[in-house]
Amino acid sequence: MEGSMSTTTVLENGYLRVTVMPELGGKISSIQTLPNGDELLQQPLLPYAPRIPFMRFDDSDASGWDECLPSVAACDVTTPSGTASVPDHGDFWQVAWTVDAQSQTSVTLSADGFSLPLRFSKTIGLENNRLRVSYNVENTGANLAKYVWSAHPLFAVESGDSISLPASVKEVVVEGSGGGRLGVHGSRHFWPKTKLANGTLCDLSMAGAISDGIGDKLFATAPSEGWCALVRTRLKQRIELHFDAAELPYLGLWICYGGWPENRSNRQQCVALEPCSAEGDSLAIAAKEDRARSIAPGSKDRWSVELRVTRVS
């Protein structure tokens, strides 16, 4: 890496090694389990490079763990100050973050958005086999602001790995499905076993191969049990995300086995487990349907997610 992309922050505690890139959107670029150094996150599809406001996510490295705020989808939203254009995957993956505090096992970072007057901060901390990310968003403007937030950790997977959700999750809703394999936006499917649009039976919880060409974005109501997980069969690891379903009432699932980016020869093979504040990727639609979060001037919202890695037989 060169220039401004050279600065990284490494947290390590004997169980996990976490690499953070403050100047590259505050991205968590690597989570490795120790002592073997097994990588949990999708690695870059393109070399790391400065991110430009309003660039598309598929023109970036498309890897690691970024933050989506104040929208996931690019959209125009009406505000008291006029129309605001929000970029693809939001502001904060595109801007440099400031390191406000740091130790061997913890770092606090913050950044200011450019589409809406929001200041976003997070503390990433390690404790044994756990990585906890605590978030804080503040409205720095003079008027009420609306937003949606989604975690965006792209976990590397291999064919035969699986997505594990509590038994209370029985249905998912299609946000988008590459090639229409799960039907149109808004289609509903049983979880985990369902019928594809062509009538073929499918187990949505089983990870496929990159040659499958699959790219689906789904939403579920967040399980009250407050967790979702990946089982990495070869690594004999279970990767869990824990969260408060009252704070984050929806769960997004991005399952990609070679189906994206469509304009590239090298593509993702990953699953993103995405606790989020609203169903659907667009802030404009969420605001219109009264599903967006509202935050008063000078007010702050707080929430957290926790990653846990355990061994499985």
Protein backbone atom coordinates (compact mmCIF):
# COMPACT_ATOMS: atom_id res chain seq x y z
CA MET A 1 0.00 0.00 0.00
CA GLU A 2 1.11 3.54 -0.64
CA GLY A 3 0.51 7.04 0.62
CA SER A 4 -2.52 7.62 2.82
CA MET A 5 -3.50 3.96 2.63
CA SER A 6 -0.42 2.90 4.62
CA THR A 7 -1.76 3.69 8.09
CA THR A 8 -3.20 0.73 9.96
CA THR A 9 -4.07 0.02 13.57
CA VAL A 10 -3.58 -3.52 14.86
CA LEU A 11 -5.33 -4.88 17.97
CA GLU A 12 -4.21 -8.20 19.39
CA ASN A 13 -4.85 -10.20 22.56
CA GLY A 14 -3.69 -13.77 21.96
CA TYR A 15 -7.12 -14.90 20.69
CA LEU A 16 -7.73 -12.44 17.85
CA ARG A 17 -5.71 -10.07 15.69
CA VAL A 18 -7.77 -7.24 14.19
CA THR A 19 -6.51 -4.74 11.62
CA VAL A 20 -8.27 -1.38 11.24
CA MET A 21 -7.67 1.16 8.47
CA PRO A 22 -8.81 4.56 9.82
CA GLU A 23 -8.08 6.49 6.64
CA LEU A 24 -9.98 3.95 4.53
CA GLY A 25 -13.42 4.50 6.00
CA GLY A 26 -12.47 3.14 9.43
CA LYS A 27 -12.60 -0.29 7.79
CA ILE A 28 -11.83 -3.46 9.73
CA SER A 29 -9.74 -5.04 6.99
CA SER A 30 -8.78 -8.25 8.78
CA ILE A 31 -9.90 -10.44 11.67
CA GLN A 32 -7.55 -13.34 12.27
CA THR A 33 -7.93 -16.09 14.81
CA LEU A 34 -4.78 -16.99 16.71
CA PRO A 35 -2.45 -18.78 16.84
CA ASN A 36 -2.94 -20.00 13.26
CA GLY A 37 -3.83 -16.66 11.70
CA ASP A 38 -6.98 -17.91 9.94
CA GLU A 39 -8.64 -14.98 8.15
CA LEU A 40 -12.36 -14.42 8.77
CA LEU A 41 -13.05 -11.56 6.35
CA GLN A 42 -13.32 -11.29 2.57
CA GLN A 43 -10.02 -9.91 1.33
CA PRO A 44 -9.76 -7.11 -1.26
CA LEU A 45 -10.90 -7.69 -4.83
CA LEU A 46 -8.92 -4.63 -5.94
CA PRO A 47 -5.86 -2.99 -4.33
CA TYR A 48 -6.71 -0.59 -1.52
CA ALA A 49 -7.00 2.94 -2.87
CA PRO A 50 -8.39 6.29 -1.71
CA ARG A 51 -12.15 6.36 -1.73
CA ILE A 52 -13.89 9.21 -3.49
CA PRO A 53 -17.26 10.62 -2.33
CA PHE A 54 -20.14 9.19 -4.34
CA MET A 55 -18.10 6.34 -5.78
CA ARG A 56 -19.86 2.99 -6.09
CA PHE A 57 -19.01 0.22 -3.66
CA ASP A 58 -18.30 -2.16 -6.52
CA ASP A 59 -15.56 0.21 -7.74
CA SER A 60 -13.71 -0.22 -4.44
CA ASP A 61 -11.83 -3.14 -2.87
CA ALA A 62 -15.27 -4.50 -1.80
CA SER A 63 -13.87 -6.29 1.24
CA GLY A 64 -13.61 -6.34 5.02
CA TRP A 65 -16.04 -4.74 7.46
CA ASP A 66 -17.36 -1.29 6.60
CA GLU A 67 -20.19 0.82 8.03
CA CYS A 68 -23.34 1.72 6.09
CA LEU A 69 -24.79 5.05 7.30
CA PRO A 70 -27.07 6.91 6.63
CA SER A 71 -28.23 4.51 3.87
CA VAL A 72 -27.13 1.30 2.19
CA ALA A 73 -28.51 2.11 -1.24
CA ALA A 74 -27.73 5.37 -3.01
CA CYS A 75 -30.77 7.66 -2.86
CA ASP A 76 -32.03 11.23 -2.65
CA VAL A 77 -33.78 12.22 0.56
CA THR A 78 -35.86 15.25 1.41
CA THR A 79 -34.59 17.26 4.40
CA PRO A 80 -35.56 20.65 5.90
CA SER A 81 -32.48 22.05 4.14
CA GLY A 82 -33.41 20.62 0.74
CA THR A 83 -32.69 17.41 -1.13
CA ALA A 84 -29.66 15.46 0.06
CA SER A 85 -27.93 12.89 -2.15
CA VAL A 86 -26.67 9.88 -0.20
CA PRO A 87 -24.04 7.71 -1.91
CA ASP A 88 -23.96 3.96 -2.40
CA HIS A 89 -23.40 2.26 0.99
CA GLY A 90 -23.54 5.67 2.70
CA ASP A 91 -20.96 8.31 3.59
CA PHE A 92 -18.75 6.73 6.16
CA TRP A 93 -16.95 4.03 4.18
CA GLN A 94 -15.77 6.80 1.85
CA VAL A 95 -14.20 9.19 4.39
CA ALA A 96 -11.14 9.14 6.61
CA TRP A 97 -11.77 8.48 10.30
CA THR A 98 -9.79 10.01 13.18
CA VAL A 99 -8.26 7.83 15.88
CA ASP A 100 -9.41 9.39 19.17
CA ALA A 101 -7.98 6.80 21.60
CA GLN A 102 -5.99 3.60 21.29
CA SER A 103 -4.51 0.77 23.34
CA GLN A 104 -3.23 -2.72 22.54
CA THR A 105 -6.75 -4.15 22.56
CA SER A 106 -9.02 -1.17 21.82
CA VAL A 107 -9.38 1.76 19.44
CA THR A 108 -11.95 4.58 19.25
CA LEU A 109 -12.50 6.32 15.92
CA SER A 110 -14.82 9.02 14.63
CA ALA A 111 -15.79 10.74 11.39
CA ASP A 112 -18.21 13.31 10.00
CA GLY A 113 -20.62 12.56 7.18
CA PHE A 114 -21.09 14.79 4.14
CA SER A 115 -24.61 14.00 2.88
CA LEU A 116 -26.32 14.54 6.25
CA PRO A 117 -25.05 16.31 9.40
CA LEU A 118 -24.09 13.16 11.31
CA ARG A 119 -20.99 12.44 13.38
CA PHE A 120 -20.27 8.75 13.78
CA SER A 121 -17.93 7.10 16.24
CA LYS A 122 -17.13 3.53 17.20
CA THR A 123 -15.00 1.76 19.75
CA ILE A 124 -13.56 -1.58 18.68
CA GLY A 125 -12.39 -3.66 21.62
CA LEU A 126 -11.08 -7.18 22.19
CA GLU A 127 -11.72 -9.38 25.21
CA ASN A 128 -10.66 -13.02 24.96
CA ASN A 129 -12.42 -14.53 21.91
CA ARG A 130 -14.75 -11.55 21.52
CA LEU A 131 -14.65 -8.40 19.41
CA ARG A 132 -17.12 -5.75 20.50
CA VAL A 133 -18.00 -2.70 18.40
CA SER A 134 -19.86 0.07 20.24
CA TYR A 135 -21.41 2.77 18.08
CA ASN A 136 -22.47 6.37 18.67
CA VAL A 137 -24.16 8.61 16.08
CA GLU A 138 -24.81 12.31 16.76
CA ASN A 139 -26.91 14.84 14.87
CA THR A 140 -24.66 17.90 14.49
CA GLY A 141 -27.19 19.85 12.42
CA ALA A 142 -30.01 22.24 13.29
CA ASN A 143 -32.89 20.02 12.16
CA LEU A 144 -34.20 16.52 12.73
CA ALA A 145 -32.18 13.98 10.74
CA LYS A 146 -33.16 10.49 9.58
CA TYR A 147 -30.93 7.53 8.88
CA VAL A 148 -30.68 3.81 8.52
CA TRP A 149 -27.61 1.87 9.63
CA SER A 150 -26.39 -1.58 8.73
CA ALA A 151 -23.37 -3.52 9.83
CA HIS A 152 -21.42 -4.66 6.77
CA PRO A 153 -18.98 -7.42 7.75
CA LEU A 154 -18.15 -9.53 4.70
CA PHE A 155 -17.18 -12.93 6.09
CA ALA A 156 -15.16 -15.23 3.85
CA VAL A 157 -16.81 -18.61 3.23
CA GLU A 158 -16.12 -21.85 1.40
CA SER A 159 -18.51 -24.35 -0.13
CA GLY A 160 -19.92 -26.46 2.71
CA ASP A 161 -19.90 -23.68 5.31
CA SER A 162 -23.31 -22.75 6.68
CA ILE A 163 -25.39 -19.88 8.03
CA SER A 164 -26.94 -20.59 11.43
CA LEU A 165 -29.95 -18.62 12.64
CA PRO A 166 -32.23 -19.22 15.64
CA ALA A 167 -35.26 -21.41 15.00
CA SER A 168 -37.47 -18.34 15.42
CA VAL A 169 -36.32 -17.14 11.96
CA LYS A 170 -38.74 -18.83 9.60
CA GLU A 171 -39.00 -16.35 6.72
CA VAL A 172 -36.83 -13.98 4.68
CA VAL A 173 -37.75 -11.17 2.29
CA VAL A 174 -35.89 -10.53 -0.96
CA GLU A 175 -34.26 -7.12 -1.35
CA GLY A 176 -32.53 -8.20 -4.55
CA SER A 177 -31.59 -11.48 -6.20
CA GLY A 178 -29.05 -11.87 -8.97
CA GLY A 179 -30.66 -13.29 -12.10
CA GLY A 180 -33.99 -13.32 -10.26
CA ARG A 181 -33.27 -16.75 -8.77
CA LEU A 182 -35.34 -15.89 -5.67
CA GLY A 183 -37.86 -13.80 -7.57
CA VAL A 184 -38.48 -10.06 -7.50
CA HIS A 185 -38.00 -7.52 -4.74
CA GLY A 186 -40.41 -8.24 -1.89
CA SER A 187 -40.70 -11.98 -2.57
CA ARG A 188 -40.96 -14.03 0.61
CA HIS A 189 -39.27 -17.36 1.23
CA PHE A 190 -39.21 -19.91 4.00
CA TRP A 191 -35.90 -20.11 5.86
CA PRO A 192 -33.75 -22.05 5.39
CA LYS A 193 -35.32 -24.43 2.85
CA THR A 194 -37.33 -22.92 0.04
CA LYS A 195 -38.13 -23.11 -3.66
CA LEU A 196 -36.24 -20.99 -6.16
CA ALA A 197 -38.13 -19.02 -8.78
CA ASN A 198 -37.63 -21.95 -11.20
CA GLY A 199 -39.16 -24.39 -8.70
CA THR A 200 -35.90 -26.02 -7.61
CA LEU A 201 -35.56 -26.80 -3.91
CA CYS A 202 -32.75 -24.93 -2.17
CA ASP A 203 -31.21 -24.71 1.30
CA LEU A 204 -30.40 -21.01 1.69
CA SER A 205 -28.26 -21.69 4.75
CA MET A 206 -25.60 -23.66 2.84
CA ALA A 207 -22.68 -21.77 1.33
CA GLY A 208 -21.88 -22.48 -2.31
CA ALA A 209 -18.84 -22.25 -4.59
CA ILE A 210 -17.68 -19.11 -6.36
CA SER A 211 -18.58 -20.79 -9.64
CA ASP A 212 -22.27 -20.78 -8.62
CA GLY A 213 -22.68 -17.11 -9.58
CA ILE A 214 -25.11 -16.36 -6.72
CA GLY A 215 -25.72 -12.92 -5.24
CA ASP A 216 -28.78 -12.43 -3.02
CA LYS A 217 -29.69 -9.76 -0.45
CA LEU A 218 -32.31 -10.85 2.08
CA PHE A 219 -33.90 -9.45 5.23
CA ALA A 220 -35.41 -11.13 8.25
CA THR A 221 -36.97 -9.78 11.41
CA ALA A 222 -34.15 -9.85 13.95
CA PRO A 223 -34.43 -12.94 16.14
CA SER A 224 -35.32 -12.11 19.72
CA GLU A 225 -32.50 -14.46 20.73
CA GLY A 226 -30.15 -11.73 19.47
CA TRP A 227 -27.63 -13.73 17.47
CA CYS A 228 -26.73 -15.03 14.02
CA ALA A 229 -23.75 -17.17 13.04
CA LEU A 230 -21.56 -18.75 10.40
CA VAL A 231 -20.08 -22.21 10.76
CA ARG A 232 -16.72 -22.56 8.98
CA THR A 233 -16.48 -26.31 8.43
CA ARG A 234 -12.83 -26.62 7.39
CA LEU A 235 -11.61 -24.17 10.02
CA LYS A 236 -13.81 -25.81 12.68
CA GLN A 237 -14.95 -22.37 13.80
CA ARG A 238 -18.29 -20.82 14.67
CA ILE A 239 -18.49 -17.06 14.13
CA GLU A 240 -21.39 -15.46 16.00
CA LEU A 241 -22.68 -11.91 15.98
CA HIS A 242 -24.62 -10.92 19.09
CA PHE A 243 -26.86 -7.85 19.26
CA ASP A 244 -29.93 -6.46 20.98
CA ALA A 245 -32.96 -7.06 18.75
CA ALA A 246 -34.72 -4.14 20.44
CA GLU A 247 -31.93 -1.82 19.25
CA LEU A 248 -31.45 -3.49 15.87
CA PRO A 249 -34.80 -5.02 14.89
CA TYR A 250 -33.80 -6.43 11.49
CA LEU A 251 -31.15 -8.75 10.10
CA GLY A 252 -29.77 -8.39 6.59
CA LEU A 253 -28.11 -11.32 4.83
CA TRP A 254 -25.86 -10.85 1.81
CA ILE A 255 -25.03 -14.25 0.34
CA CYS A 256 -22.56 -14.02 -2.53
CA TYR A 257 -20.95 -17.00 -4.21
CA GLY A 258 -19.39 -15.45 -7.28
CA GLY A 259 -22.44 -13.40 -8.26
CA TRP A 260 -20.98 -9.92 -7.64
CA PRO A 261 -19.46 -7.56 -8.75
CA GLU A 262 -20.98 -8.26 -12.14
CA ASN A 263 -18.43 -6.13 -14.02
CA ARG A 264 -15.38 -7.97 -12.65
CA SER A 265 -13.59 -11.23 -13.23
CA ASN A 266 -12.65 -11.52 -9.53
CA ARG A 267 -15.75 -11.73 -7.38
CA GLN A 268 -16.81 -12.12 -3.79
CA GLN A 269 -17.30 -15.41 -2.03
CA CYS A 270 -18.71 -14.28 1.27
CA VAL A 271 -21.67 -14.01 3.60
CA ALA A 272 -22.46 -10.73 5.32
CA LEU A 273 -24.38 -11.00 8.59
CA GLU A 274 -25.92 -7.55 8.94
CA PRO A 275 -27.82 -6.51 12.07
CA CYS A 276 -29.52 -3.28 11.03
CA SER A 277 -31.99 -0.60 12.03
CA ALA A 278 -34.53 -1.05 9.22
CA GLU A 279 -35.69 -3.53 6.62
CA GLY A 280 -34.58 -2.46 3.14
CA ASP A 281 -31.45 -0.73 1.83
CA SER A 282 -32.83 2.71 0.92
CA LEU A 283 -33.10 5.56 3.41
CA ALA A 284 -35.48 7.38 1.03
CA ILE A 285 -37.95 4.47 1.06
CA ALA A 286 -37.52 3.90 4.80
CA ALA A 287 -38.19 7.58 5.50
CA LYS A 288 -41.26 7.58 3.23
CA GLU A 289 -42.63 4.49 4.99
CA ASP A 290 -41.75 5.82 8.47
CA ARG A 291 -39.17 3.08 9.10
CA ALA A 292 -36.08 5.30 9.35
CA ARG A 293 -34.51 6.33 12.65
CA SER A 294 -35.03 9.98 13.61
CA ILE A 295 -32.48 11.87 15.67
CA ALA A 296 -32.98 15.37 17.07
CA PRO A 297 -30.33 18.11 16.81
CA GLY A 298 -27.62 17.54 19.41
CA SER A 299 -28.95 14.09 20.28
CA LYS A 300 -27.08 10.79 20.13
CA ASP A 301 -28.07 7.20 19.42
CA ARG A 302 -26.04 4.25 20.71
CA TRP A 303 -25.92 0.51 19.99
CA SER A 304 -23.39 -2.29 19.78
CA VAL A 305 -22.62 -5.65 18.18
CA GLU A 306 -20.29 -8.35 19.42
CA LEU A 307 -18.45 -10.99 17.43
CA ARG A 308 -17.56 -14.26 19.16
CA VAL A 309 -15.41 -17.01 17.69
CA THR A 310 -15.57 -20.53 19.13
CA ARG A 311 -14.24 -23.93 18.11
CA VAL A 312 -16.64 -26.60 16.83
CA SER A 313 -15.97 -30.28 16.22
